[in-house]
Protein backbone atom coordinates (compact mmCIF):
# COMPACT_ATOMS: atom_id res chain seq x y z
CA MET A 1 141.29 96.78 118.98
CA LYS A 2 138.93 95.86 121.77
CA GLU A 3 137.79 92.32 122.57
CA TYR A 4 134.23 92.81 121.26
CA ASP A 5 132.61 94.87 118.56
CA TYR A 6 129.39 95.30 120.55
CA LEU A 7 128.40 95.21 124.19
CA ILE A 8 124.63 94.61 124.35
CA VAL A 9 123.02 95.54 127.66
CA GLY A 10 119.89 93.41 128.07
CA THR A 11 118.88 90.14 126.41
CA GLY A 12 115.29 90.98 125.54
CA LEU A 13 113.92 90.83 122.02
CA PHE A 14 115.66 94.02 120.83
CA GLY A 15 119.09 92.97 122.07
CA CYS A 16 118.79 89.42 120.74
CA VAL A 17 117.65 90.48 117.26
CA PHE A 18 120.49 93.02 117.08
CA ALA A 19 122.96 90.36 118.22
CA GLU A 20 121.78 87.90 115.57
CA ARG A 21 122.16 90.50 112.82
CA ALA A 22 125.59 91.58 114.06
CA ALA A 23 126.88 88.00 114.32
CA LYS A 24 125.73 87.42 110.74
CA GLU A 25 128.17 90.17 109.76
CA GLY A 26 130.99 88.49 111.68
CA LYS A 27 130.92 90.87 114.63
CA LYS A 28 131.88 89.72 118.13
CA ILE A 29 129.23 90.44 120.76
CA LEU A 30 129.12 90.39 124.54
CA MET A 31 125.60 90.37 125.99
CA VAL A 32 125.00 91.12 129.67
CA GLU A 33 121.77 90.43 131.56
CA LYS A 34 121.00 91.25 135.20
CA ARG A 35 118.42 88.46 135.52
CA ASP A 36 119.35 84.78 135.74
CA HIS A 37 117.90 84.05 132.30
CA ILE A 38 117.83 85.54 128.82
CA GLY A 39 114.78 86.68 126.86
CA GLY A 40 113.64 89.67 128.89
CA ASN A 41 109.92 89.84 129.52
CA ILE A 42 109.03 87.28 126.84
CA TYR A 43 110.79 84.54 128.82
CA THR A 44 108.74 81.37 129.22
CA ASP A 45 109.23 78.52 131.66
CA VAL A 46 107.56 75.11 132.02
CA LEU A 47 105.37 74.31 135.01
CA ALA A 48 103.37 71.08 135.26
CA GLY A 49 104.17 70.40 131.62
CA ILE A 50 102.71 73.75 130.51
CA ASP A 51 104.54 76.69 128.92
CA VAL A 52 104.14 79.66 131.27
CA HIS A 53 104.52 83.31 130.24
CA VAL A 54 106.44 84.31 133.35
CA TYR A 55 106.12 88.08 132.87
CA GLY A 56 102.56 88.24 131.57
CA ALA A 57 100.83 87.23 128.36
CA HIS A 58 102.80 87.81 125.14
CA ILE A 59 100.77 87.24 121.99
CA PHE A 60 102.64 87.90 118.80
CA HIS A 61 100.72 89.86 116.16
CA THR A 62 101.75 91.95 113.18
CA ASN A 63 100.82 93.17 109.74
CA ASN A 64 104.51 93.55 108.88
CA LYS A 65 105.43 90.67 106.56
CA GLU A 66 109.15 91.40 106.83
CA VAL A 67 108.99 91.03 110.61
CA TRP A 68 106.81 87.90 110.38
CA ASP A 69 109.15 86.29 107.86
CA TYR A 70 112.12 87.13 110.09
CA ILE A 71 110.77 85.78 113.38
CA THR A 72 109.25 82.60 111.94
CA ARG A 73 112.71 81.55 110.73
CA PHE A 74 113.52 80.76 114.35
CA GLY A 75 110.45 78.80 115.41
CA GLU A 76 107.06 77.50 114.40
CA PHE A 77 104.08 79.59 115.52
CA ASN A 78 100.61 78.23 116.26
CA ARG A 79 97.42 79.94 115.07
CA TYR A 80 96.39 81.30 118.48
CA THR A 81 93.95 84.22 118.15
CA ASN A 82 93.54 86.57 121.10
CA CYS A 83 89.88 86.75 122.16
CA PRO A 84 89.87 88.02 125.75
CA ILE A 85 86.83 88.08 128.00
CA ALA A 86 85.96 90.97 130.32
CA ARG A 87 84.32 90.13 133.63
CA TYR A 88 82.42 92.84 135.46
CA LYS A 89 80.97 91.45 138.68
CA ASP A 90 79.02 88.42 137.40
CA GLU A 91 78.66 89.69 133.85
CA LEU A 92 80.84 88.52 130.94
CA TYR A 93 81.63 90.55 127.82
CA ASN A 94 83.67 89.93 124.70
CA LEU A 95 86.61 92.16 123.83
CA PRO A 96 87.35 94.19 121.78
CA PHE A 97 84.09 96.16 121.80
CA ASN A 98 82.03 94.48 119.09
CA MET A 99 78.50 93.31 118.36
CA ASN A 100 78.82 90.48 120.88
CA THR A 101 79.70 93.08 123.53
CA PHE A 102 76.84 95.37 122.56
CA HIS A 103 74.34 92.50 122.51
CA ALA A 104 75.39 91.46 126.03
CA LEU A 105 75.10 95.06 127.24
CA TRP A 106 71.82 96.10 125.63
CA GLY A 107 70.30 93.15 123.78
CA VAL A 108 70.81 94.89 120.42
CA LYS A 109 71.19 92.68 117.36
CA THR A 110 72.13 94.98 114.49
CA PRO A 111 74.91 97.52 113.94
CA ASP A 112 72.37 100.34 113.57
CA GLU A 113 70.82 99.49 116.94
CA ALA A 114 74.25 99.43 118.59
CA LYS A 115 75.28 102.74 117.02
CA ALA A 116 72.01 104.34 118.11
CA MET A 117 72.58 103.24 121.74
CA ILE A 118 76.16 104.54 121.76
CA GLU A 119 75.05 107.86 120.22
CA LYS A 120 72.24 108.16 122.79
CA GLN A 121 74.60 107.65 125.71
CA THR A 122 77.37 109.89 124.36
CA ALA A 123 74.77 112.65 123.77
CA GLU A 124 73.67 112.31 127.39
CA ALA A 125 77.29 112.62 128.49
CA ARG A 126 77.79 115.67 126.30
CA SER A 127 74.87 117.40 128.02
CA THR A 128 76.36 116.91 131.50
CA ILE A 129 80.07 117.67 130.88
CA PRO A 130 80.95 121.37 131.37
CA ASP A 131 83.13 121.72 128.26
CA PRO A 132 82.63 118.70 125.98
CA GLU A 133 84.94 120.14 123.34
CA ASN A 134 87.77 120.13 125.88
CA PRO A 135 87.30 117.19 128.27
CA ALA A 136 89.11 117.78 131.53
CA ASN A 137 90.13 114.19 132.31
CA LEU A 138 89.96 110.59 131.18
CA ARG A 139 86.51 110.05 132.66
CA GLU A 140 84.99 112.86 130.61
CA GLN A 141 86.83 111.78 127.46
CA ALA A 142 85.69 108.15 127.79
CA LEU A 143 82.07 109.12 128.44
CA LEU A 144 82.08 111.29 125.32
CA LEU A 145 83.48 108.41 123.27
CA ALA A 146 81.56 105.44 124.66
CA GLY A 147 78.75 106.50 126.96
CA LYS A 148 77.88 105.50 130.52
CA ASP A 149 77.48 101.70 130.28
CA ILE A 150 80.71 100.88 128.46
CA TYR A 151 82.64 103.37 130.55
CA GLU A 152 81.39 102.17 133.94
CA LYS A 153 81.52 98.44 133.23
CA LEU A 154 84.49 98.02 130.93
CA ILE A 155 86.78 101.06 131.16
CA GLU A 156 86.70 102.85 134.50
CA GLY A 157 87.85 100.26 137.04
CA TYR A 158 90.31 98.52 134.75
CA THR A 159 91.97 101.78 133.71
CA GLU A 160 92.18 103.06 137.28
CA LYS A 161 93.88 99.85 138.37
CA GLN A 162 96.30 99.99 135.46
CA TRP A 163 97.39 103.55 136.16
CA GLY A 164 97.04 103.58 139.94
CA ARG A 165 94.93 106.76 139.81
CA ARG A 166 91.25 107.61 139.56
CA ALA A 167 89.95 108.39 136.09
CA THR A 168 89.22 111.98 137.12
CA GLU A 169 92.96 112.39 137.87
CA LEU A 170 94.16 110.99 134.53
CA PRO A 171 94.69 113.17 131.45
CA PRO A 172 92.15 112.75 128.63
CA PHE A 173 94.74 112.03 125.91
CA ILE A 174 95.34 108.55 127.35
CA ILE A 175 92.10 107.46 125.73
CA LYS A 176 91.98 109.53 122.53
CA ARG A 177 89.82 107.02 120.72
CA LEU A 178 88.04 103.73 121.27
CA PRO A 179 87.85 101.10 118.54
CA PHE A 180 84.26 99.94 118.04
CA ARG A 181 83.62 97.03 115.71
CA PHE A 182 80.12 96.65 114.42
CA THR A 183 80.66 93.01 113.51
CA TYR A 184 80.46 89.81 115.55
CA ASP A 185 84.25 89.45 115.64
CA ASN A 186 86.15 88.73 118.86
CA ASN A 187 89.63 88.80 117.27
CA TYR A 188 91.31 91.39 119.49
CA PHE A 189 94.27 92.28 117.29
CA ASN A 190 92.78 91.69 113.87
CA ALA A 191 96.32 91.32 112.50
CA LYS A 192 97.25 89.41 109.37
CA TYR A 193 99.84 87.35 111.24
CA GLN A 194 99.18 86.16 114.78
CA GLY A 195 100.24 83.33 117.05
CA ILE A 196 102.52 82.04 119.79
CA PRO A 197 105.72 79.98 119.38
CA VAL A 198 104.81 76.29 119.59
CA ARG A 199 107.86 75.53 121.75
CA GLY A 200 107.66 78.73 123.79
CA TYR A 201 109.41 82.09 123.59
CA SER A 202 112.50 80.90 125.45
CA ASP A 203 113.13 78.32 122.73
CA LEU A 204 112.58 81.04 120.10
CA ILE A 205 115.17 83.31 121.76
CA GLN A 206 117.67 80.46 121.98
CA ASN A 207 117.19 79.81 118.27
CA ILE A 208 117.75 83.49 117.41
CA LEU A 209 121.11 83.38 119.19
CA LYS A 210 122.10 79.78 118.41
CA GLU A 211 124.20 80.31 115.29
CA GLY A 212 126.15 83.20 116.81
CA MET A 213 126.73 81.29 120.05
CA ASN A 214 127.81 78.13 118.24
CA SER A 215 130.31 80.11 116.17
CA GLY A 216 131.71 81.81 119.27
CA LEU A 217 130.69 85.27 118.09
CA ILE A 218 128.07 85.76 120.84
CA LYS A 219 128.92 85.43 124.51
CA ILE A 220 126.28 85.94 127.23
CA LEU A 221 126.75 86.82 130.89
CA VAL A 222 123.65 86.48 133.08
CA LYS A 223 123.29 87.79 136.64
CA THR A 224 125.51 90.67 135.56
CA ASP A 225 124.52 94.23 136.46
CA PHE A 226 125.85 96.62 133.83
CA PHE A 227 125.89 99.56 136.23
CA LYS A 228 127.91 97.72 138.86
CA GLU A 229 130.57 96.79 136.29
CA ARG A 230 130.10 99.63 133.84
CA GLU A 231 133.67 100.79 133.47
CA GLU A 232 135.10 97.31 133.04
CA LEU A 233 132.39 96.21 130.59
CA THR A 234 132.50 99.30 128.39
CA GLU A 235 136.26 98.91 128.03
CA LYS A 236 135.70 95.54 126.38
CA ALA A 237 133.70 96.74 123.35
CA GLU A 238 133.90 99.29 120.56
CA LYS A 239 130.18 100.13 120.70
CA ILE A 240 127.24 99.68 123.06
CA VAL A 241 123.65 98.69 122.43
CA TYR A 242 121.71 99.75 125.52
CA THR A 243 118.16 98.48 126.25
CA GLY A 244 117.83 99.37 129.92
CA PRO A 245 115.93 102.35 131.35
CA LEU A 246 116.87 105.53 129.49
CA ASP A 247 117.22 107.73 132.56
CA GLU A 248 119.31 105.19 134.42
CA TYR A 249 122.01 105.26 131.73
CA PHE A 250 122.54 108.94 132.56
CA GLY A 251 122.35 108.50 136.32
CA LYS A 252 118.88 110.12 136.32
CA LYS A 253 120.66 113.47 136.36
CA LEU A 254 117.70 115.28 134.76
CA GLY A 255 115.17 113.55 137.02
CA ALA A 256 113.50 110.15 137.09
CA LEU A 257 111.22 108.93 134.32
CA GLU A 258 108.10 107.25 135.68
CA PHE A 259 107.14 103.66 134.98
CA ARG A 260 104.32 101.36 135.96
CA SER A 261 105.24 97.96 137.26
CA LEU A 262 103.47 94.61 137.56
CA ARG A 263 103.29 91.86 140.15
CA PHE A 264 102.38 88.27 139.29
CA GLU A 265 100.90 85.46 141.36
CA THR A 266 101.20 82.11 139.59
CA GLU A 267 99.54 78.93 140.82
CA VAL A 268 99.46 75.33 139.61
CA MET A 269 95.90 74.08 140.01
CA ASP A 270 94.56 70.53 140.18
CA CYS A 271 92.00 70.81 137.43
CA ASP A 272 91.84 70.49 133.66
CA ASN A 273 90.43 73.93 132.92
CA PHE A 274 90.00 76.84 135.30
CA GLN A 275 88.36 79.62 133.27
CA GLY A 276 87.91 78.35 129.71
CA ASN A 277 89.92 81.15 128.10
CA ALA A 278 93.54 82.29 128.03
CA VAL A 279 92.79 85.85 129.19
CA VAL A 280 89.96 87.11 131.42
CA ASN A 281 90.07 90.79 132.37
CA TYR A 282 88.52 91.86 135.67
CA THR A 283 87.18 95.36 135.11
CA GLU A 284 85.70 96.26 138.50
CA TYR A 285 87.96 98.40 140.66
CA GLU A 286 87.35 96.41 143.85
CA ILE A 287 89.17 93.35 142.49
CA PRO A 288 92.87 94.26 142.78
CA TYR A 289 94.19 92.29 139.81
CA THR A 290 93.47 93.30 136.23
CA ARG A 291 93.37 89.87 134.66
CA ILE A 292 93.86 86.15 135.09
CA ILE A 293 95.86 84.26 132.49
CA GLU A 294 95.40 80.52 132.03
CA HIS A 295 98.53 79.50 130.18
CA LYS A 296 97.53 76.16 128.70
CA HIS A 297 94.99 77.90 126.43
CA PHE A 298 97.83 79.71 124.64
CA ALA A 299 99.15 76.35 123.43
CA LEU A 300 96.51 74.93 121.12
CA GLY A 301 96.06 71.21 121.64
CA THR A 302 97.78 71.04 125.02
CA HIS A 303 96.85 67.68 126.52
CA VAL A 304 98.07 68.07 130.09
CA VAL A 305 95.36 66.32 132.13
CA GLY A 306 94.46 67.24 135.69
CA LYS A 307 96.69 70.32 135.89
CA THR A 308 96.49 73.92 134.78
CA VAL A 309 98.54 77.03 135.56
CA VAL A 310 96.97 80.43 136.19
CA THR A 311 98.56 83.83 136.82
CA LYS A 312 96.92 86.84 138.43
CA GLU A 313 98.36 90.14 137.21
CA TYR A 314 98.49 93.10 139.60
CA PRO A 315 99.46 96.60 138.42
CA ALA A 316 101.83 98.36 140.81
CA ASP A 317 103.70 101.60 141.27
CA TRP A 318 107.31 101.34 140.23
CA THR A 319 109.80 101.61 143.08
CA PRO A 320 113.60 101.23 143.02
CA GLY A 321 114.41 97.54 142.67
CA ALA A 322 111.10 96.70 141.01
CA GLU A 323 110.92 95.80 137.33
CA PRO A 324 109.82 98.71 135.11
CA TYR A 325 107.20 97.57 132.59
CA TYR A 326 105.28 100.48 131.08
CA PRO A 327 106.44 104.05 130.47
CA VAL A 328 104.05 106.68 131.79
CA ASN A 329 103.76 108.75 128.63
CA ASP A 330 102.12 111.82 130.09
CA GLU A 331 103.15 115.40 129.33
CA ARG A 332 105.72 115.68 132.11
CA ASN A 333 107.47 112.39 131.31
CA ASN A 334 107.42 112.92 127.55
CA LYS A 335 109.13 116.29 127.94
CA LEU A 336 111.74 114.75 130.23
CA CYS A 337 112.23 111.90 127.75
CA GLU A 338 112.92 114.45 124.99
CA GLU A 339 115.71 115.95 127.10
CA TYR A 340 117.22 112.53 127.77
CA MET A 341 117.02 111.67 124.05
CA LYS A 342 119.10 114.76 123.30
CA LEU A 343 121.76 113.34 125.60
CA ALA A 344 121.38 109.93 123.98
CA LYS A 345 121.96 111.32 120.49
CA ALA A 346 125.16 112.96 121.70
CA GLU A 347 126.54 109.64 122.97
CA ARG A 348 129.19 108.40 120.54
CA ASN A 349 129.00 104.71 119.66
CA VAL A 350 125.95 104.01 121.81
CA PHE A 351 122.62 102.80 120.36
CA PHE A 352 119.50 102.97 122.51
CA GLY A 353 116.63 100.57 121.89
CA GLY A 354 113.60 98.73 123.25
CA ARG A 355 110.73 99.83 125.40
CA LEU A 356 112.94 101.00 128.27
CA GLY A 357 115.79 102.42 126.22
CA LEU A 358 113.50 104.59 124.09
CA TYR A 359 110.83 105.11 126.77
CA LYS A 360 108.04 104.05 124.42
CA TYR A 361 105.39 101.38 124.55
CA PHE A 362 106.21 98.86 121.80
CA ASP A 363 104.51 95.66 120.73
CA MET A 364 106.85 92.78 119.97
CA ASP A 365 106.72 93.27 116.21
CA GLN A 366 107.63 96.93 116.64
CA VAL A 367 110.61 95.95 118.81
CA ILE A 368 111.84 93.58 116.11
CA ALA A 369 111.39 96.21 113.38
CA GLU A 370 113.31 98.76 115.47
CA ALA A 371 116.10 96.27 116.16
CA LEU A 372 116.42 95.36 112.47
CA ASN A 373 116.54 99.02 111.49
CA THR A 374 119.07 99.88 114.19
CA ALA A 375 121.25 96.94 113.21
CA ASP A 376 121.13 98.00 109.57
CA LEU A 377 122.16 101.52 110.57
CA ALA A 378 124.93 100.35 112.86
CA LEU A 379 126.36 97.62 110.66
CA HIS A 380 126.08 99.07 107.19
CA ILE A 381 125.68 102.83 107.25
CA MET A 382 127.97 103.69 110.14
CA ASN A 383 130.66 101.22 109.19
């Protein structure tokens, strides 16, 4: 018998939910984390009395009642509703694309007027694109879906910054559809359940793990690189739950999967209110960051006077040593991922999970659902 039932690599949301479920079943768990804190990318810290989303904005939203009931057991959530603003030069637009957006663009007041303007511009695009039934790139696809004004002001620059390539170099499937709302509704997610933990995500993560840690069933090692101590760590546990980059687990022997990374610049400012909204997207290409987050607006009723904290978010190419954030799910990478997943399925007693471990973009509620399902499989079916 080994010392632990499970070695969990990574202490993000997937790993912590799995650990909580396993500890409930009396399993002993060792969690290892290369950073100096737990919680992965949802980690929050306090600056100037304000909860700061250290790795970018994380707004919880779901229509899955099971997931909502699960996560709210560990912390109270506020009623924050995501209503981002897009800034193009000196113009401001509401997101998602809705009647407020269309009124600001064209002065239209009714859904029929907005639909007519979109249809007019998409028809103009159709007449200029060589093969409108088979758009050659993202630019052509977006023009066919939205028309010139929305594309040039709200899609082109932002998307090019996000992906680090011009729209004419990006495949069309990245933007298969665009959600248009012909109502005056700025609720970005439009989910039944939505909010942010009142005491921050770090407190939420601690609460998820608290019972298992108090009982001695969960042990956590931070500043521990799994790959530098792989042999020793794997000898300690019967099974592994791996949430790091999929290709890295296999030594990238089939080739490297591509990721996009992010860089953050956070500043404490001597004012009550910098931009009047939690999230403002900057859609023109010439501004290098994609958005500015003002953290105090995530916490409804924050009464910190004279201080605010803002973060500029810069997309970046992933390089060795940088943090991988988003999988690049293009044709080449998806095919390579399929080959790695074949290797993953052949691994005995190893469960892969999370955005990096499955090489998929997941929202937080999807991560929790995956972790609950994986834990159920591991703890009940496979035992």
